[in-house]
Amino acid sequence: MNATHECIDVCNSLLRGELSAIETYSQALAKFVDDPARSALEDIRFDHEASASRLRDHILEMSAEPSTDSGAWGEFAKAVEGTAKILGETAALEALERGENHGIDEYEKALRNPDVMDEIKTVIRTRLLPVLTEHIATLKRLKKA
């Protein structure tokens, strides 16, 4: 794989977003201890873990070092989710949905970046992005329940 530094940076940024999502869902799950929504939220967190693993593998294939923490976005997401937890389940679900929309924006931006390798763009289009769309549909359903 012939990767540019820009491609590696973009993949690491996407990885940090996935790590942030994992942290945020872990935090949100504390709000949904005996709630029917818990199982769906655990499934979404698992999807983010799988996406993080996939991105980590691609970064390693490019002979680069994968990010190990969520960075600044993770701190912001934790603060938003922490506030939402205080305000209730609906607010927590809305915060999670905003996070998923942010993830979609980041993946779409990567798809428009000419420095991101075609192999990575294919994975984004076929694997990573569709999952986020499913997450939003699930979160909307949970808010109505």
N, C-alpha and C. Protein backbone atom coordinates (compact mmCIF):
# COMPACT_ATOMS: atom_id res chain seq x y z
N MET A 1 0.84 -1.18 0.00
CA MET A 1 0.00 0.00 0.00
C MET A 1 0.88 1.24 0.00
N ASN A 2 0.62 2.14 -0.91
CA ASN A 2 1.38 3.37 -1.00
C ASN A 2 0.54 4.49 -0.39
N ALA A 3 0.74 4.75 0.88
CA ALA A 3 -0.08 5.73 1.59
C ALA A 3 0.66 7.05 1.76
N THR A 4 -0.11 8.12 1.67
CA THR A 4 0.47 9.43 1.96
C THR A 4 0.28 9.73 3.44
N HIS A 5 1.05 10.70 3.90
CA HIS A 5 0.88 11.13 5.30
C HIS A 5 -0.53 11.65 5.53
N GLU A 6 -1.09 12.31 4.52
CA GLU A 6 -2.45 12.85 4.64
C GLU A 6 -3.46 11.71 4.82
N CYS A 7 -3.31 10.64 4.07
CA CYS A 7 -4.22 9.50 4.19
C CYS A 7 -4.13 8.90 5.59
N ILE A 8 -2.92 8.76 6.08
CA ILE A 8 -2.73 8.22 7.43
C ILE A 8 -3.36 9.14 8.46
N ASP A 9 -3.16 10.46 8.30
CA ASP A 9 -3.75 11.43 9.23
C ASP A 9 -5.27 11.35 9.23
N VAL A 10 -5.86 11.24 8.04
CA VAL A 10 -7.32 11.16 7.94
C VAL A 10 -7.81 9.87 8.61
N CYS A 11 -7.14 8.77 8.35
CA CYS A 11 -7.55 7.49 8.96
C CYS A 11 -7.42 7.54 10.48
N ASN A 12 -6.36 8.16 10.97
CA ASN A 12 -6.21 8.29 12.42
C ASN A 12 -7.27 9.21 13.01
N SER A 13 -7.64 10.24 12.29
CA SER A 13 -8.71 11.12 12.76
C SER A 13 -10.03 10.35 12.82
N LEU A 14 -10.32 9.55 11.81
CA LEU A 14 -11.52 8.72 11.81
C LEU A 14 -11.47 7.70 12.95
N LEU A 15 -10.30 7.14 13.19
CA LEU A 15 -10.13 6.19 14.30
C LEU A 15 -10.41 6.88 15.63
N ARG A 16 -9.89 8.11 15.81
CA ARG A 16 -10.16 8.83 17.06
C ARG A 16 -11.66 9.09 17.23
N GLY A 17 -12.35 9.35 16.12
CA GLY A 17 -13.80 9.51 16.19
C GLY A 17 -14.49 8.24 16.64
N GLU A 18 -14.05 7.10 16.12
CA GLU A 18 -14.63 5.81 16.54
C GLU A 18 -14.33 5.53 18.02
N LEU A 19 -13.11 5.84 18.45
CA LEU A 19 -12.77 5.65 19.86
C LEU A 19 -13.62 6.54 20.76
N SER A 20 -13.88 7.75 20.29
CA SER A 20 -14.75 8.67 21.02
C SER A 20 -16.16 8.11 21.12
N ALA A 21 -16.65 7.55 20.01
CA ALA A 21 -17.99 6.96 20.01
C ALA A 21 -18.08 5.80 21.00
N ILE A 22 -17.05 4.97 21.05
CA ILE A 22 -17.03 3.84 22.00
C ILE A 22 -17.12 4.37 23.42
N GLU A 23 -16.31 5.38 23.73
CA GLU A 23 -16.32 5.98 25.07
C GLU A 23 -17.69 6.57 25.40
N THR A 24 -18.26 7.27 24.43
CA THR A 24 -19.54 7.93 24.66
C THR A 24 -20.66 6.92 24.88
N TYR A 25 -20.69 5.86 24.07
CA TYR A 25 -21.72 4.84 24.26
C TYR A 25 -21.52 4.12 25.59
N SER A 26 -20.28 3.88 25.98
CA SER A 26 -20.03 3.25 27.28
C SER A 26 -20.58 4.12 28.40
N GLN A 27 -20.38 5.41 28.28
CA GLN A 27 -20.89 6.34 29.29
C GLN A 27 -22.42 6.37 29.26
N ALA A 28 -23.01 6.40 28.07
CA ALA A 28 -24.47 6.46 27.95
C ALA A 28 -25.13 5.21 28.51
N LEU A 29 -24.47 4.07 28.37
CA LEU A 29 -25.06 2.82 28.85
C LEU A 29 -25.33 2.85 30.35
N ALA A 30 -24.59 3.67 31.08
CA ALA A 30 -24.84 3.81 32.51
C ALA A 30 -26.22 4.41 32.77
N LYS A 31 -26.73 5.17 31.81
CA LYS A 31 -28.05 5.79 31.93
C LYS A 31 -29.16 4.80 31.64
N PHE A 32 -28.85 3.72 30.92
CA PHE A 32 -29.86 2.78 30.44
C PHE A 32 -29.67 1.41 31.07
N VAL A 33 -29.52 1.36 32.38
CA VAL A 33 -29.20 0.11 33.07
C VAL A 33 -30.30 -0.95 32.89
N ASP A 34 -31.52 -0.63 33.24
CA ASP A 34 -32.63 -1.59 33.14
C ASP A 34 -33.61 -1.18 32.06
N ASP A 35 -33.11 -0.68 30.98
CA ASP A 35 -33.94 -0.13 29.92
C ASP A 35 -33.88 -1.04 28.70
N PRO A 36 -35.00 -1.22 28.00
CA PRO A 36 -34.99 -2.04 26.78
C PRO A 36 -34.04 -1.50 25.70
N ALA A 37 -33.73 -0.21 25.75
CA ALA A 37 -32.84 0.41 24.76
C ALA A 37 -31.39 -0.04 24.95
N ARG A 38 -31.07 -0.57 26.11
CA ARG A 38 -29.68 -0.92 26.42
C ARG A 38 -29.07 -1.87 25.38
N SER A 39 -29.81 -2.89 25.00
CA SER A 39 -29.29 -3.87 24.05
C SER A 39 -28.94 -3.21 22.71
N ALA A 40 -29.81 -2.33 22.23
CA ALA A 40 -29.54 -1.64 20.96
C ALA A 40 -28.31 -0.75 21.08
N LEU A 41 -28.15 -0.09 22.22
CA LEU A 41 -26.99 0.78 22.43
C LEU A 41 -25.70 -0.04 22.53
N GLU A 42 -25.78 -1.21 23.15
CA GLU A 42 -24.62 -2.10 23.20
C GLU A 42 -24.23 -2.56 21.80
N ASP A 43 -25.24 -2.86 20.97
CA ASP A 43 -24.97 -3.27 19.59
C ASP A 43 -24.27 -2.15 18.82
N ILE A 44 -24.72 -0.92 19.02
CA ILE A 44 -24.10 0.22 18.33
C ILE A 44 -22.66 0.39 18.80
N ARG A 45 -22.45 0.27 20.11
CA ARG A 45 -21.07 0.38 20.62
C ARG A 45 -20.19 -0.70 20.00
N PHE A 46 -20.72 -1.92 19.87
CA PHE A 46 -19.96 -3.01 19.24
C PHE A 46 -19.61 -2.65 17.79
N ASP A 47 -20.57 -2.06 17.06
CA ASP A 47 -20.29 -1.64 15.68
C ASP A 47 -19.14 -0.64 15.64
N HIS A 48 -19.12 0.30 16.58
CA HIS A 48 -18.02 1.28 16.63
C HIS A 48 -16.69 0.60 16.96
N GLU A 49 -16.74 -0.42 17.82
CA GLU A 49 -15.52 -1.18 18.12
C GLU A 49 -15.01 -1.88 16.86
N ALA A 50 -15.92 -2.46 16.08
CA ALA A 50 -15.54 -3.14 14.84
C ALA A 50 -14.96 -2.14 13.83
N SER A 51 -15.58 -0.96 13.73
CA SER A 51 -15.08 0.07 12.81
C SER A 51 -13.70 0.55 13.24
N ALA A 52 -13.51 0.73 14.54
CA ALA A 52 -12.20 1.15 15.05
C ALA A 52 -11.15 0.10 14.72
N SER A 53 -11.50 -1.16 14.88
CA SER A 53 -10.57 -2.24 14.58
C SER A 53 -10.20 -2.25 13.11
N ARG A 54 -11.19 -2.06 12.25
CA ARG A 54 -10.96 -2.04 10.81
C ARG A 54 -10.02 -0.89 10.44
N LEU A 55 -10.28 0.30 10.99
CA LEU A 55 -9.42 1.46 10.70
C LEU A 55 -8.00 1.22 11.23
N ARG A 56 -7.92 0.65 12.43
CA ARG A 56 -6.61 0.36 13.02
C ARG A 56 -5.82 -0.58 12.11
N ASP A 57 -6.48 -1.59 11.59
CA ASP A 57 -5.82 -2.54 10.68
C ASP A 57 -5.30 -1.83 9.43
N HIS A 58 -6.11 -0.95 8.86
CA HIS A 58 -5.69 -0.23 7.65
C HIS A 58 -4.49 0.67 7.94
N ILE A 59 -4.49 1.30 9.08
CA ILE A 59 -3.36 2.17 9.45
C ILE A 59 -2.09 1.34 9.61
N LEU A 60 -2.21 0.19 10.23
CA LEU A 60 -1.06 -0.70 10.38
C LEU A 60 -0.57 -1.19 9.02
N GLU A 61 -1.51 -1.49 8.11
CA GLU A 61 -1.14 -1.91 6.75
C GLU A 61 -0.36 -0.82 6.02
N MET A 62 -0.60 0.44 6.40
CA MET A 62 0.12 1.56 5.79
C MET A 62 1.43 1.83 6.52
N SER A 63 1.83 0.90 7.39
CA SER A 63 3.07 1.01 8.17
C SER A 63 3.09 2.25 9.04
N ALA A 64 1.95 2.57 9.60
CA ALA A 64 1.84 3.74 10.48
C ALA A 64 1.35 3.30 11.86
N GLU A 65 1.43 4.21 12.78
CA GLU A 65 1.03 3.95 14.16
C GLU A 65 -0.41 4.44 14.38
N PRO A 66 -1.34 3.54 14.73
CA PRO A 66 -2.72 3.97 14.97
C PRO A 66 -2.85 4.79 16.26
N SER A 67 -3.75 5.75 16.25
CA SER A 67 -4.06 6.51 17.47
C SER A 67 -4.58 5.55 18.53
N THR A 68 -4.29 5.86 19.77
CA THR A 68 -4.72 5.00 20.86
C THR A 68 -5.77 5.65 21.76
N ASP A 69 -6.06 6.94 21.53
CA ASP A 69 -7.11 7.58 22.32
C ASP A 69 -7.92 8.51 21.44
N SER A 70 -9.02 8.99 21.98
CA SER A 70 -9.97 9.77 21.19
C SER A 70 -9.58 11.23 21.04
N GLY A 71 -8.62 11.70 21.81
CA GLY A 71 -8.14 13.07 21.67
C GLY A 71 -9.17 14.11 22.07
N ALA A 72 -9.06 15.29 21.47
CA ALA A 72 -9.91 16.43 21.84
C ALA A 72 -11.38 16.16 21.57
N TRP A 73 -11.70 15.48 20.46
CA TRP A 73 -13.10 15.20 20.16
C TRP A 73 -13.71 14.32 21.24
N GLY A 74 -12.93 13.39 21.77
CA GLY A 74 -13.42 12.53 22.83
C GLY A 74 -13.78 13.29 24.09
N GLU A 75 -12.97 14.28 24.44
CA GLU A 75 -13.26 15.10 25.62
C GLU A 75 -14.54 15.89 25.42
N PHE A 76 -14.72 16.46 24.23
CA PHE A 76 -15.93 17.21 23.92
C PHE A 76 -17.15 16.28 23.97
N ALA A 77 -17.04 15.12 23.35
CA ALA A 77 -18.16 14.18 23.32
C ALA A 77 -18.53 13.73 24.72
N LYS A 78 -17.53 13.49 25.57
CA LYS A 78 -17.80 13.09 26.95
C LYS A 78 -18.54 14.19 27.70
N ALA A 79 -18.16 15.43 27.46
CA ALA A 79 -18.83 16.54 28.13
C ALA A 79 -20.28 16.65 27.68
N VAL A 80 -20.52 16.52 26.39
CA VAL A 80 -21.89 16.59 25.86
C VAL A 80 -22.72 15.44 26.42
N GLU A 81 -22.18 14.24 26.39
CA GLU A 81 -22.92 13.08 26.88
C GLU A 81 -23.14 13.17 28.39
N GLY A 82 -22.14 13.68 29.12
CA GLY A 82 -22.30 13.85 30.56
C GLY A 82 -23.45 14.78 30.89
N THR A 83 -23.55 15.87 30.15
CA THR A 83 -24.66 16.81 30.33
C THR A 83 -25.98 16.13 29.97
N ALA A 84 -26.00 15.39 28.88
CA ALA A 84 -27.21 14.70 28.45
C ALA A 84 -27.66 13.68 29.50
N LYS A 85 -26.70 13.00 30.13
CA LYS A 85 -27.05 12.00 31.15
C LYS A 85 -27.80 12.66 32.30
N ILE A 86 -27.39 13.86 32.65
CA ILE A 86 -28.05 14.57 33.75
C ILE A 86 -29.47 14.95 33.34
N LEU A 87 -29.66 15.30 32.07
CA LEU A 87 -30.95 15.77 31.59
C LEU A 87 -31.93 14.65 31.28
N GLY A 88 -31.47 13.42 31.10
CA GLY A 88 -32.39 12.31 30.88
C GLY A 88 -32.08 11.51 29.64
N GLU A 89 -32.86 10.44 29.47
CA GLU A 89 -32.61 9.49 28.38
C GLU A 89 -32.80 10.11 27.00
N THR A 90 -33.84 10.91 26.83
CA THR A 90 -34.08 11.51 25.52
C THR A 90 -32.92 12.41 25.12
N ALA A 91 -32.45 13.20 26.06
CA ALA A 91 -31.30 14.07 25.77
C ALA A 91 -30.06 13.24 25.46
N ALA A 92 -29.89 12.14 26.17
CA ALA A 92 -28.74 11.26 25.90
C ALA A 92 -28.83 10.69 24.49
N LEU A 93 -30.02 10.24 24.09
CA LEU A 93 -30.20 9.70 22.74
C LEU A 93 -29.97 10.77 21.68
N GLU A 94 -30.41 11.99 21.95
CA GLU A 94 -30.18 13.09 21.01
C GLU A 94 -28.69 13.39 20.87
N ALA A 95 -27.96 13.35 21.99
CA ALA A 95 -26.52 13.59 21.95
C ALA A 95 -25.82 12.49 21.15
N LEU A 96 -26.25 11.26 21.33
CA LEU A 96 -25.68 10.14 20.57
C LEU A 96 -25.97 10.32 19.08
N GLU A 97 -27.18 10.75 18.75
CA GLU A 97 -27.53 10.97 17.35
C GLU A 97 -26.66 12.08 16.74
N ARG A 98 -26.43 13.15 17.50
CA ARG A 98 -25.54 14.22 17.00
C ARG A 98 -24.15 13.68 16.74
N GLY A 99 -23.68 12.80 17.62
CA GLY A 99 -22.37 12.20 17.42
C GLY A 99 -22.31 11.35 16.16
N GLU A 100 -23.37 10.58 15.91
CA GLU A 100 -23.42 9.76 14.69
C GLU A 100 -23.43 10.66 13.45
N ASN A 101 -24.17 11.76 13.49
CA ASN A 101 -24.18 12.69 12.36
C ASN A 101 -22.81 13.31 12.14
N HIS A 102 -22.12 13.61 13.22
CA HIS A 102 -20.76 14.14 13.10
C HIS A 102 -19.86 13.10 12.43
N GLY A 103 -20.02 11.84 12.82
CA GLY A 103 -19.24 10.77 12.20
C GLY A 103 -19.51 10.67 10.70
N ILE A 104 -20.77 10.78 10.32
CA ILE A 104 -21.11 10.75 8.89
C ILE A 104 -20.42 11.89 8.16
N ASP A 105 -20.46 13.08 8.75
CA ASP A 105 -19.79 14.24 8.13
C ASP A 105 -18.30 13.97 7.94
N GLU A 106 -17.67 13.38 8.95
CA GLU A 106 -16.22 13.11 8.87
C GLU A 106 -15.91 12.07 7.79
N TYR A 107 -16.73 11.03 7.71
CA TYR A 107 -16.50 10.02 6.68
C TYR A 107 -16.74 10.61 5.28
N GLU A 108 -17.77 11.42 5.14
CA GLU A 108 -18.04 12.04 3.83
C GLU A 108 -16.91 12.99 3.43
N LYS A 109 -16.36 13.69 4.41
CA LYS A 109 -15.22 14.57 4.12
C LYS A 109 -14.02 13.74 3.66
N ALA A 110 -13.81 12.60 4.27
CA ALA A 110 -12.71 11.71 3.86
C ALA A 110 -12.92 11.22 2.43
N LEU A 111 -14.17 10.93 2.07
CA LEU A 111 -14.46 10.47 0.71
C LEU A 111 -14.14 11.55 -0.33
N ARG A 112 -14.28 12.81 0.05
CA ARG A 112 -13.98 13.92 -0.88
C ARG A 112 -12.50 14.27 -0.93
N ASN A 113 -11.72 13.72 -0.02
CA ASN A 113 -10.30 14.06 0.07
C ASN A 113 -9.51 13.26 -0.97
N PRO A 114 -8.85 13.95 -1.93
CA PRO A 114 -8.12 13.23 -2.97
C PRO A 114 -6.90 12.47 -2.45
N ASP A 115 -6.44 12.79 -1.24
CA ASP A 115 -5.28 12.11 -0.67
C ASP A 115 -5.62 10.80 0.02
N VAL A 116 -6.90 10.54 0.21
CA VAL A 116 -7.32 9.28 0.83
C VAL A 116 -7.34 8.20 -0.25
N MET A 117 -6.66 7.11 0.04
CA MET A 117 -6.52 6.02 -0.93
C MET A 117 -7.87 5.42 -1.30
N ASP A 118 -7.97 4.95 -2.54
CA ASP A 118 -9.21 4.36 -3.03
C ASP A 118 -9.64 3.16 -2.19
N GLU A 119 -8.69 2.36 -1.73
CA GLU A 119 -9.03 1.19 -0.90
C GLU A 119 -9.75 1.61 0.38
N ILE A 120 -9.28 2.69 0.97
CA ILE A 120 -9.90 3.20 2.20
C ILE A 120 -11.29 3.76 1.88
N LYS A 121 -11.40 4.48 0.77
CA LYS A 121 -12.69 5.04 0.39
C LYS A 121 -13.72 3.93 0.15
N THR A 122 -13.29 2.82 -0.42
CA THR A 122 -14.21 1.70 -0.64
C THR A 122 -14.71 1.16 0.69
N VAL A 123 -13.83 1.02 1.66
CA VAL A 123 -14.23 0.54 2.99
C VAL A 123 -15.19 1.53 3.64
N ILE A 124 -14.91 2.81 3.50
CA ILE A 124 -15.79 3.82 4.07
C ILE A 124 -17.18 3.71 3.45
N ARG A 125 -17.23 3.65 2.12
CA ARG A 125 -18.51 3.61 1.40
C ARG A 125 -19.31 2.34 1.70
N THR A 126 -18.62 1.20 1.75
CA THR A 126 -19.34 -0.08 1.83
C THR A 126 -19.53 -0.59 3.25
N ARG A 127 -18.67 -0.20 4.17
CA ARG A 127 -18.72 -0.76 5.52
C ARG A 127 -18.99 0.27 6.62
N LEU A 128 -18.19 1.33 6.65
CA LEU A 128 -18.21 2.23 7.79
C LEU A 128 -19.37 3.22 7.77
N LEU A 129 -19.62 3.83 6.64
CA LEU A 129 -20.68 4.83 6.53
C LEU A 129 -22.08 4.24 6.64
N PRO A 130 -22.38 3.13 5.98
CA PRO A 130 -23.75 2.57 6.09
C PRO A 130 -24.14 2.23 7.53
N VAL A 131 -23.18 1.81 8.33
CA VAL A 131 -23.47 1.46 9.72
C VAL A 131 -23.95 2.68 10.50
N LEU A 132 -23.33 3.83 10.23
CA LEU A 132 -23.72 5.05 10.95
C LEU A 132 -25.15 5.46 10.59
N THR A 133 -25.53 5.27 9.35
CA THR A 133 -26.90 5.57 8.93
C THR A 133 -27.89 4.66 9.68
N GLU A 134 -27.52 3.40 9.83
CA GLU A 134 -28.36 2.47 10.60
C GLU A 134 -28.46 2.91 12.06
N HIS A 135 -27.35 3.40 12.62
CA HIS A 135 -27.35 3.85 14.01
C HIS A 135 -28.34 4.99 14.21
N ILE A 136 -28.35 5.93 13.28
CA ILE A 136 -29.27 7.07 13.40
C ILE A 136 -30.71 6.59 13.38
N ALA A 137 -31.02 5.67 12.49
CA ALA A 137 -32.39 5.12 12.43
C ALA A 137 -32.75 4.45 13.75
N THR A 138 -31.82 3.70 14.31
CA THR A 138 -32.06 3.03 15.60
C THR A 138 -32.30 4.05 16.70
N LEU A 139 -31.46 5.08 16.77
CA LEU A 139 -31.60 6.10 17.81
C LEU A 139 -32.93 6.84 17.68
N LYS A 140 -33.33 7.14 16.46
CA LYS A 140 -34.63 7.79 16.24
C LYS A 140 -35.77 6.90 16.74
N ARG A 141 -35.67 5.61 16.46
CA ARG A 141 -36.68 4.65 16.91
C ARG A 141 -36.72 4.61 18.44
N LEU A 142 -35.56 4.62 19.07
CA LEU A 142 -35.51 4.56 20.53
C LEU A 142 -36.10 5.81 21.16
N LYS A 143 -35.90 6.95 20.51
CA LYS A 143 -36.46 8.20 21.05
C LYS A 143 -37.99 8.18 21.00
N LYS A 144 -38.56 7.50 20.03
CA LYS A 144 -40.02 7.44 19.89
C LYS A 144 -40.63 6.41 20.84
N ALA A 145 -39.84 5.45 21.28
CA ALA A 145 -40.36 4.37 22.12
C ALA A 145 -40.72 4.84 23.52
